[in-house]
Protein backbone atom coordinates (compact mmCIF):
# COMPACT_ATOMS: atom_id res chain seq x y z
CA MET A 1 284.60 35.51 48.17
CA THR A 2 282.69 33.96 50.60
CA ASP A 3 284.41 30.37 51.95
CA ARG A 4 281.81 28.12 50.75
CA GLY A 5 282.78 24.93 52.58
CA GLY A 6 283.70 23.35 49.21
CA TYR A 7 280.19 23.30 47.57
CA THR A 8 280.02 24.71 43.80
CA ASP A 9 276.11 23.92 43.98
CA PHE A 10 273.50 26.36 45.53
CA THR A 11 271.17 24.13 46.02
CA LYS A 12 272.78 21.43 48.09
CA TRP A 13 274.50 24.55 49.98
CA TYR A 14 271.13 25.53 50.56
CA ASN A 15 269.68 22.50 51.32
CA ASP A 16 272.69 21.32 53.72
CA LYS A 17 274.02 24.21 54.98
CA PHE A 18 271.72 27.02 55.19
CA LEU A 19 267.93 25.18 55.74
CA ASN A 20 269.63 22.67 58.23
CA LYS A 21 271.99 24.96 60.32
CA LEU A 22 274.77 23.31 60.33
CA SER A 23 277.71 24.48 62.87
CA ASP A 24 280.42 24.28 60.40
CA MET A 25 278.43 27.03 58.27
CA ALA A 26 280.24 30.05 57.62
CA PRO A 27 279.26 32.40 60.21
CA PHE A 28 277.48 36.31 59.07
CA GLN A 29 277.37 39.29 60.92
CA ALA A 30 274.44 42.09 60.46
CA ASN A 31 276.51 45.33 59.04
CA HIS A 32 274.72 48.35 58.86
CA ILE A 33 274.44 49.79 55.01
CA ILE A 34 274.66 53.53 56.75
CA PRO A 35 277.55 53.47 58.90
CA VAL A 36 276.84 54.21 62.52
CA ASP A 37 280.20 56.22 62.42
CA LEU A 38 278.46 57.87 59.36
CA LEU A 39 275.94 59.23 60.97
CA TYR A 40 278.09 60.32 64.11
CA THR A 41 280.53 62.13 61.76
CA ASN A 42 278.31 63.28 58.36
CA LYS A 43 276.59 66.68 58.75
CA PRO A 44 273.94 65.76 55.75
CA LEU A 45 273.14 63.17 57.62
CA GLN A 46 272.91 64.62 61.50
CA GLU A 47 270.22 67.33 59.52
CA ILE A 48 268.52 64.46 58.36
CA LEU A 49 267.64 63.08 61.61
CA GLN A 50 267.65 66.03 62.95
CA TRP A 51 264.72 67.28 60.64
CA ALA A 52 262.52 63.52 61.03
CA GLU A 53 263.02 64.13 65.42
CA LYS A 54 261.19 67.67 64.70
CA ASN A 55 258.62 66.41 62.36
CA GLY A 56 257.65 63.49 64.11
CA ARG A 57 259.19 61.03 61.83
CA LEU A 58 262.14 59.55 63.60
CA ASN A 59 260.37 56.24 64.16
CA GLU A 60 260.62 55.48 60.18
CA LEU A 61 263.91 55.52 60.43
CA ASN A 62 264.63 52.31 61.13
CA PHE A 63 268.55 52.41 61.44
CA ASN A 64 268.72 49.50 63.26
CA GLY A 65 266.23 47.41 60.90
CA LEU A 66 266.29 45.72 57.55
CA ASP A 67 266.22 48.57 55.32
CA ASN A 68 269.57 49.79 56.72
CA GLY A 69 271.37 46.09 56.56
CA ILE A 70 273.24 43.89 55.83
CA MET A 71 274.58 40.38 55.80
CA LEU A 72 278.19 39.85 55.83
CA SER A 73 280.78 37.41 56.14
CA ILE A 74 282.58 37.90 59.19
CA ALA A 75 286.09 38.24 57.28
CA ASP A 76 284.09 40.64 54.91
CA HIS A 77 282.89 42.69 57.60
CA SER A 78 286.13 42.69 59.88
CA ALA A 79 288.34 43.10 56.03
CA LEU A 80 285.95 45.94 54.73
CA HIS A 81 284.31 47.78 57.34
CA PRO A 82 286.66 50.49 56.89
CA LYS A 83 286.75 51.00 53.61
CA PHE A 84 283.03 50.84 53.02
CA SER A 85 282.75 53.43 55.94
CA GLY A 86 285.39 56.30 53.56
CA GLN A 87 283.01 55.03 50.66
CA MET A 88 279.70 56.11 51.88
CA GLU A 89 281.04 59.36 53.20
CA ARG A 90 282.16 60.45 49.93
CA ASN A 91 279.01 59.20 48.28
CA PHE A 92 277.07 61.54 50.73
CA ASN A 93 279.17 64.49 50.13
CA ASN A 94 279.37 64.25 46.65
CA SER A 95 275.47 64.18 46.52
CA ARG A 96 275.18 67.43 48.31
């Protein structure tokens, strides 16, 4: 669970921490939903990228944009990234 700095009430946390961007707010880091390493190793995703490029649609895939992004606490990102990448690879391999 993400550290809430002792807050149990969302509204108070939101007003005190989130809106005011206080320095003791837990740091967050952007994370890809489809991990970069999966693009490098997964044949079906490579085929999708190559198809998109060949058909002039690669610009519609904003890999580093909001559609492929999620914010995680730095602690969660470091701990969960390898498991998350592995699960995403299994999902793509099983969906084919």
